Amino acid sequence: MVTGDIDFPYGNADVQSFAPAAAVTLTVKNLLTYFLASAAMAAGMTINFAIDGQIRPGARVVVRAASDGTARTVTPGTGAQGLAVTGVINGVFEYEFEYKPSTAVGTFAFVLINARQVA
């Protein structure tokens, strides 16, 4: 994080776009971050998280992605935890993660807490 940036909730949430791929690494640098896919997924996608900044427990990430003519699966990868979720044909899903203790004692991860169809 650049010195002088104001973190959510005192400043704005971070909004980033990304190109869907078989595996994407999304860099989280704010306590509330939205990642918006720039195109529909043409294949399943694994989401990996990298932390840049002072992320604390309770930080939230929302990933919005659409499936193309096939229902596509999103799988939490490195820095994430949860079950794979399959969207619907031509549908848009939001996947919400919270930074909290993971199943490995003493470690934290972005745990999938919600997946919902929004369009």
N, C-alpha and C. Protein backbone atom coordinates (compact mmCIF):
# COMPACT_ATOMS: atom_id res chain seq x y z
N MET A 1 0.85 -1.17 0.00
CA MET A 1 0.00 0.00 0.00
C MET A 1 0.89 1.23 0.00
N VAL A 2 0.56 2.21 -0.77
CA VAL A 2 1.31 3.45 -0.85
C VAL A 2 1.03 4.28 0.40
N THR A 3 2.08 4.85 0.98
CA THR A 3 1.90 5.68 2.16
C THR A 3 0.93 6.81 1.85
N GLY A 4 0.00 7.04 2.74
CA GLY A 4 -0.98 8.11 2.52
C GLY A 4 -2.31 7.59 1.98
N ASP A 5 -2.35 6.33 1.49
CA ASP A 5 -3.63 5.77 1.05
C ASP A 5 -4.53 5.63 2.27
N ILE A 6 -5.79 5.90 2.09
CA ILE A 6 -6.74 5.77 3.19
C ILE A 6 -7.55 4.52 2.96
N ASP A 7 -7.48 3.62 3.92
CA ASP A 7 -8.17 2.34 3.85
C ASP A 7 -9.65 2.48 4.16
N PHE A 8 -10.46 1.59 3.57
CA PHE A 8 -11.86 1.45 3.95
C PHE A 8 -11.87 1.05 5.42
N PRO A 9 -12.69 1.50 6.28
CA PRO A 9 -13.93 2.24 6.07
C PRO A 9 -13.76 3.75 6.08
N TYR A 10 -12.57 4.25 6.30
CA TYR A 10 -12.36 5.70 6.35
C TYR A 10 -12.18 6.30 4.96
N GLY A 11 -11.77 5.48 4.02
CA GLY A 11 -11.63 5.90 2.63
C GLY A 11 -12.48 5.00 1.76
N ASN A 12 -12.27 5.08 0.47
CA ASN A 12 -13.06 4.28 -0.48
C ASN A 12 -12.64 2.82 -0.49
N ALA A 13 -13.56 1.97 -0.90
CA ALA A 13 -13.22 0.59 -1.19
C ALA A 13 -12.36 0.57 -2.44
N ASP A 14 -11.56 -0.47 -2.61
CA ASP A 14 -10.73 -0.64 -3.79
C ASP A 14 -11.55 -1.40 -4.83
N VAL A 15 -11.56 -0.93 -6.07
CA VAL A 15 -12.26 -1.61 -7.16
C VAL A 15 -11.25 -1.89 -8.26
N GLN A 16 -11.11 -3.16 -8.63
CA GLN A 16 -10.16 -3.55 -9.67
C GLN A 16 -10.86 -4.44 -10.69
N SER A 17 -10.37 -4.41 -11.92
CA SER A 17 -10.88 -5.34 -12.92
C SER A 17 -9.78 -6.36 -13.22
N PHE A 18 -10.20 -7.52 -13.71
CA PHE A 18 -9.23 -8.56 -14.06
C PHE A 18 -9.76 -9.35 -15.24
N ALA A 19 -8.86 -9.95 -15.98
CA ALA A 19 -9.23 -10.80 -17.11
C ALA A 19 -9.35 -12.24 -16.61
N PRO A 20 -10.51 -12.87 -16.81
CA PRO A 20 -10.67 -14.25 -16.37
C PRO A 20 -9.68 -15.17 -17.09
N ALA A 21 -9.17 -16.14 -16.37
CA ALA A 21 -8.25 -17.14 -16.92
C ALA A 21 -8.40 -18.41 -16.08
N ALA A 22 -7.71 -19.46 -16.46
CA ALA A 22 -7.80 -20.71 -15.70
C ALA A 22 -7.38 -20.50 -14.25
N ALA A 23 -6.37 -19.64 -14.04
CA ALA A 23 -5.94 -19.27 -12.69
C ALA A 23 -5.62 -17.78 -12.69
N VAL A 24 -6.17 -17.07 -11.73
CA VAL A 24 -5.89 -15.64 -11.59
C VAL A 24 -5.38 -15.39 -10.18
N THR A 25 -4.46 -14.44 -10.05
CA THR A 25 -3.99 -14.00 -8.75
C THR A 25 -4.46 -12.56 -8.57
N LEU A 26 -5.27 -12.34 -7.56
CA LEU A 26 -5.85 -11.03 -7.29
C LEU A 26 -5.15 -10.45 -6.06
N THR A 27 -4.66 -9.23 -6.19
CA THR A 27 -3.92 -8.59 -5.11
C THR A 27 -4.87 -7.75 -4.26
N VAL A 28 -4.95 -8.09 -2.99
CA VAL A 28 -5.83 -7.40 -2.05
C VAL A 28 -4.99 -6.38 -1.29
N LYS A 29 -5.41 -5.11 -1.36
CA LYS A 29 -4.65 -4.06 -0.68
C LYS A 29 -5.53 -3.10 0.10
N ASN A 30 -6.76 -3.51 0.37
CA ASN A 30 -7.69 -2.67 1.12
C ASN A 30 -8.59 -3.59 1.94
N LEU A 31 -9.21 -3.06 2.96
CA LEU A 31 -10.08 -3.89 3.80
C LEU A 31 -11.39 -4.25 3.12
N LEU A 32 -11.74 -3.55 2.03
CA LEU A 32 -12.88 -3.91 1.20
C LEU A 32 -12.45 -3.77 -0.25
N THR A 33 -12.42 -4.88 -0.97
CA THR A 33 -11.95 -4.88 -2.35
C THR A 33 -12.96 -5.59 -3.23
N TYR A 34 -13.29 -4.95 -4.36
CA TYR A 34 -14.16 -5.55 -5.38
C TYR A 34 -13.30 -5.87 -6.59
N PHE A 35 -13.42 -7.10 -7.08
CA PHE A 35 -12.76 -7.52 -8.31
C PHE A 35 -13.85 -7.83 -9.33
N LEU A 36 -13.82 -7.14 -10.45
CA LEU A 36 -14.84 -7.29 -11.49
C LEU A 36 -14.19 -7.90 -12.73
N ALA A 37 -14.70 -9.05 -13.16
CA ALA A 37 -14.17 -9.69 -14.36
C ALA A 37 -14.50 -8.84 -15.58
N SER A 38 -13.51 -8.68 -16.46
CA SER A 38 -13.68 -7.82 -17.65
C SER A 38 -14.38 -8.54 -18.80
N ALA A 39 -14.58 -9.85 -18.67
CA ALA A 39 -15.25 -10.64 -19.70
C ALA A 39 -15.85 -11.87 -19.03
N ALA A 40 -16.69 -12.58 -19.76
CA ALA A 40 -17.26 -13.82 -19.23
C ALA A 40 -16.19 -14.91 -19.19
N MET A 41 -16.29 -15.78 -18.21
CA MET A 41 -15.36 -16.91 -18.12
C MET A 41 -15.62 -17.87 -19.26
N ALA A 42 -14.55 -18.28 -19.94
CA ALA A 42 -14.65 -19.26 -21.02
C ALA A 42 -14.24 -20.64 -20.53
N ALA A 43 -13.81 -20.74 -19.27
CA ALA A 43 -13.41 -21.99 -18.64
C ALA A 43 -13.54 -21.80 -17.14
N GLY A 44 -13.38 -22.87 -16.39
CA GLY A 44 -13.38 -22.77 -14.95
C GLY A 44 -12.22 -21.89 -14.51
N MET A 45 -12.30 -21.34 -13.29
CA MET A 45 -11.28 -20.40 -12.83
C MET A 45 -10.92 -20.70 -11.38
N THR A 46 -9.62 -20.69 -11.09
CA THR A 46 -9.13 -20.78 -9.72
C THR A 46 -8.70 -19.38 -9.30
N ILE A 47 -9.19 -18.95 -8.15
CA ILE A 47 -8.87 -17.61 -7.64
C ILE A 47 -7.83 -17.74 -6.53
N ASN A 48 -6.68 -17.08 -6.75
CA ASN A 48 -5.61 -17.01 -5.76
C ASN A 48 -5.55 -15.58 -5.25
N PHE A 49 -5.21 -15.41 -3.98
CA PHE A 49 -5.10 -14.07 -3.40
C PHE A 49 -3.67 -13.80 -2.95
N ALA A 50 -3.20 -12.60 -3.26
CA ALA A 50 -1.93 -12.08 -2.75
C ALA A 50 -2.28 -10.86 -1.90
N ILE A 51 -1.59 -10.71 -0.79
CA ILE A 51 -1.89 -9.59 0.11
C ILE A 51 -0.81 -8.53 -0.03
N ASP A 52 -1.25 -7.30 -0.26
CA ASP A 52 -0.35 -6.16 -0.36
C ASP A 52 -0.89 -5.08 0.56
N GLY A 53 -0.26 -4.89 1.68
CA GLY A 53 -0.76 -3.90 2.62
C GLY A 53 -1.02 -4.51 3.97
N GLN A 54 -1.76 -3.81 4.76
CA GLN A 54 -2.01 -4.22 6.13
C GLN A 54 -3.41 -4.83 6.25
N ILE A 55 -3.59 -5.96 5.64
CA ILE A 55 -4.89 -6.63 5.69
C ILE A 55 -5.05 -7.25 7.08
N ARG A 56 -6.21 -7.04 7.66
CA ARG A 56 -6.50 -7.53 9.00
C ARG A 56 -7.71 -8.48 8.95
N PRO A 57 -7.86 -9.30 9.99
CA PRO A 57 -9.03 -10.16 10.06
C PRO A 57 -10.31 -9.32 9.89
N GLY A 58 -11.24 -9.84 9.14
CA GLY A 58 -12.49 -9.14 8.86
C GLY A 58 -12.49 -8.46 7.50
N ALA A 59 -11.33 -8.35 6.85
CA ALA A 59 -11.28 -7.75 5.51
C ALA A 59 -12.18 -8.56 4.57
N ARG A 60 -12.82 -7.87 3.63
CA ARG A 60 -13.75 -8.52 2.70
C ARG A 60 -13.30 -8.33 1.27
N VAL A 61 -13.54 -9.37 0.47
CA VAL A 61 -13.30 -9.33 -0.97
C VAL A 61 -14.55 -9.85 -1.65
N VAL A 62 -14.99 -9.14 -2.69
CA VAL A 62 -16.12 -9.59 -3.51
C VAL A 62 -15.61 -9.72 -4.94
N VAL A 63 -15.78 -10.91 -5.51
CA VAL A 63 -15.37 -11.18 -6.89
C VAL A 63 -16.63 -11.37 -7.71
N ARG A 64 -16.78 -10.58 -8.77
CA ARG A 64 -17.94 -10.70 -9.66
C ARG A 64 -17.46 -11.26 -10.99
N ALA A 65 -18.08 -12.38 -11.40
CA ALA A 65 -17.69 -13.02 -12.66
C ALA A 65 -18.91 -13.66 -13.31
N ALA A 66 -18.89 -13.67 -14.63
CA ALA A 66 -19.99 -14.24 -15.41
C ALA A 66 -19.54 -15.51 -16.11
N SER A 67 -20.46 -16.45 -16.26
CA SER A 67 -20.21 -17.64 -17.08
C SER A 67 -20.64 -17.33 -18.50
N ASP A 68 -19.99 -17.99 -19.46
CA ASP A 68 -20.43 -17.84 -20.85
C ASP A 68 -21.57 -18.81 -21.10
N GLY A 69 -21.66 -19.42 -22.26
CA GLY A 69 -22.75 -20.35 -22.59
C GLY A 69 -22.69 -21.67 -21.85
N THR A 70 -21.72 -21.81 -20.96
CA THR A 70 -21.58 -23.00 -20.12
C THR A 70 -21.49 -22.55 -18.66
N ALA A 71 -22.08 -23.30 -17.76
CA ALA A 71 -21.97 -22.98 -16.34
C ALA A 71 -20.52 -23.22 -15.91
N ARG A 72 -19.83 -22.18 -15.44
CA ARG A 72 -18.41 -22.26 -15.09
C ARG A 72 -18.22 -22.36 -13.58
N THR A 73 -17.16 -23.04 -13.18
CA THR A 73 -16.85 -23.26 -11.78
C THR A 73 -15.73 -22.34 -11.33
N VAL A 74 -15.89 -21.75 -10.15
CA VAL A 74 -14.85 -20.94 -9.52
C VAL A 74 -14.37 -21.71 -8.29
N THR A 75 -13.04 -21.87 -8.20
CA THR A 75 -12.44 -22.64 -7.12
C THR A 75 -11.48 -21.75 -6.32
N PRO A 76 -11.63 -21.68 -5.00
CA PRO A 76 -10.66 -20.95 -4.18
C PRO A 76 -9.30 -21.65 -4.24
N GLY A 77 -8.23 -20.86 -4.42
CA GLY A 77 -6.88 -21.41 -4.53
C GLY A 77 -5.98 -20.88 -3.43
N THR A 78 -4.76 -20.51 -3.77
CA THR A 78 -3.77 -20.03 -2.82
C THR A 78 -4.27 -18.79 -2.09
N GLY A 79 -4.16 -18.79 -0.78
CA GLY A 79 -4.60 -17.66 0.03
C GLY A 79 -6.09 -17.61 0.24
N ALA A 80 -6.79 -18.64 -0.25
CA ALA A 80 -8.25 -18.70 -0.14
C ALA A 80 -8.64 -20.07 0.39
N GLN A 81 -9.89 -20.17 0.81
CA GLN A 81 -10.38 -21.44 1.32
C GLN A 81 -11.87 -21.51 1.06
N GLY A 82 -12.34 -22.69 0.73
CA GLY A 82 -13.77 -22.90 0.50
C GLY A 82 -13.97 -23.93 -0.59
N LEU A 83 -15.22 -24.25 -0.82
CA LEU A 83 -15.57 -25.23 -1.84
C LEU A 83 -15.73 -24.55 -3.19
N ALA A 84 -15.52 -25.32 -4.25
CA ALA A 84 -15.76 -24.82 -5.60
C ALA A 84 -17.25 -24.55 -5.77
N VAL A 85 -17.58 -23.48 -6.50
CA VAL A 85 -18.97 -23.11 -6.74
C VAL A 85 -19.18 -22.99 -8.24
N THR A 86 -20.24 -23.61 -8.74
CA THR A 86 -20.55 -23.55 -10.16
C THR A 86 -21.66 -22.55 -10.39
N GLY A 87 -21.42 -21.63 -11.33
CA GLY A 87 -22.42 -20.63 -11.69
C GLY A 87 -23.48 -21.24 -12.60
N VAL A 88 -24.18 -20.40 -13.32
CA VAL A 88 -25.21 -20.85 -14.24
C VAL A 88 -24.88 -20.31 -15.64
N ILE A 89 -25.45 -20.94 -16.64
CA ILE A 89 -25.22 -20.53 -18.02
C ILE A 89 -25.58 -19.06 -18.18
N ASN A 90 -24.65 -18.29 -18.74
CA ASN A 90 -24.85 -16.85 -19.00
C ASN A 90 -25.24 -16.06 -17.75
N GLY A 91 -24.92 -16.57 -16.57
CA GLY A 91 -25.26 -15.89 -15.33
C GLY A 91 -24.06 -15.18 -14.73
N VAL A 92 -24.35 -14.22 -13.86
CA VAL A 92 -23.31 -13.48 -13.14
C VAL A 92 -23.39 -13.87 -11.67
N PHE A 93 -22.26 -14.23 -11.10
CA PHE A 93 -22.18 -14.61 -9.69
C PHE A 93 -21.26 -13.66 -8.95
N GLU A 94 -21.54 -13.46 -7.67
CA GLU A 94 -20.62 -12.77 -6.78
C GLU A 94 -20.17 -13.77 -5.73
N TYR A 95 -18.86 -13.79 -5.51
CA TYR A 95 -18.23 -14.66 -4.53
C TYR A 95 -17.64 -13.77 -3.46
N GLU A 96 -18.10 -13.92 -2.21
CA GLU A 96 -17.66 -13.05 -1.13
C GLU A 96 -16.74 -13.83 -0.19
N PHE A 97 -15.59 -13.24 0.10
CA PHE A 97 -14.59 -13.85 0.97
C PHE A 97 -14.33 -12.95 2.17
N GLU A 98 -14.04 -13.55 3.31
CA GLU A 98 -13.65 -12.80 4.50
C GLU A 98 -12.30 -13.33 4.98
N TYR A 99 -11.42 -12.41 5.36
CA TYR A 99 -10.10 -12.78 5.86
C TYR A 99 -10.25 -13.18 7.32
N LYS A 100 -10.04 -14.46 7.61
CA LYS A 100 -10.22 -14.95 8.97
C LYS A 100 -9.39 -16.21 9.16
N PRO A 101 -9.35 -16.73 10.39
CA PRO A 101 -8.54 -17.94 10.61
C PRO A 101 -8.95 -19.06 9.66
N SER A 102 -7.95 -19.73 9.12
CA SER A 102 -8.22 -20.85 8.22
C SER A 102 -8.22 -22.15 9.02
N THR A 103 -8.35 -23.26 8.34
CA THR A 103 -8.39 -24.55 9.04
C THR A 103 -7.04 -24.93 9.61
N ALA A 104 -5.94 -24.36 9.08
CA ALA A 104 -4.61 -24.61 9.64
C ALA A 104 -4.41 -23.65 10.82
N VAL A 105 -4.18 -24.18 11.99
CA VAL A 105 -4.06 -23.36 13.21
C VAL A 105 -2.96 -22.32 13.04
N GLY A 106 -3.29 -21.08 13.41
CA GLY A 106 -2.31 -20.01 13.37
C GLY A 106 -2.18 -19.32 12.02
N THR A 107 -2.99 -19.71 11.04
CA THR A 107 -2.92 -19.09 9.72
C THR A 107 -4.25 -18.44 9.38
N PHE A 108 -4.20 -17.51 8.44
CA PHE A 108 -5.39 -16.82 7.97
C PHE A 108 -5.52 -17.02 6.47
N ALA A 109 -6.74 -16.92 5.98
CA ALA A 109 -7.01 -17.03 4.55
C ALA A 109 -8.29 -16.26 4.25
N PHE A 110 -8.51 -15.98 2.97
CA PHE A 110 -9.78 -15.43 2.55
C PHE A 110 -10.73 -16.61 2.37
N VAL A 111 -11.65 -16.74 3.31
CA VAL A 111 -12.58 -17.87 3.34
C VAL A 111 -13.86 -17.48 2.61
N LEU A 112 -14.28 -18.35 1.69
CA LEU A 112 -15.52 -18.11 0.94
C LEU A 112 -16.69 -18.18 1.91
N ILE A 113 -17.42 -17.08 2.05
CA ILE A 113 -18.55 -17.05 3.00
C ILE A 113 -19.89 -16.96 2.28
N ASN A 114 -19.89 -16.62 0.98
CA ASN A 114 -21.14 -16.45 0.27
C ASN A 114 -20.89 -16.52 -1.23
N ALA A 115 -21.77 -17.16 -1.95
CA ALA A 115 -21.75 -17.17 -3.42
C ALA A 115 -23.19 -17.06 -3.86
N ARG A 116 -23.47 -16.05 -4.69
CA ARG A 116 -24.87 -15.83 -5.08
C ARG A 116 -24.95 -15.33 -6.51
N GLN A 117 -26.04 -15.71 -7.15
CA GLN A 117 -26.30 -15.24 -8.50
C GLN A 117 -26.90 -13.84 -8.40
N VAL A 118 -26.35 -12.89 -9.17
CA VAL A 118 -26.85 -11.51 -9.14
C VAL A 118 -27.44 -11.07 -10.47
N ALA A 119 -27.24 -11.85 -11.50
CA ALA A 119 -27.85 -11.51 -12.80
C ALA A 119 -27.93 -12.76 -13.65
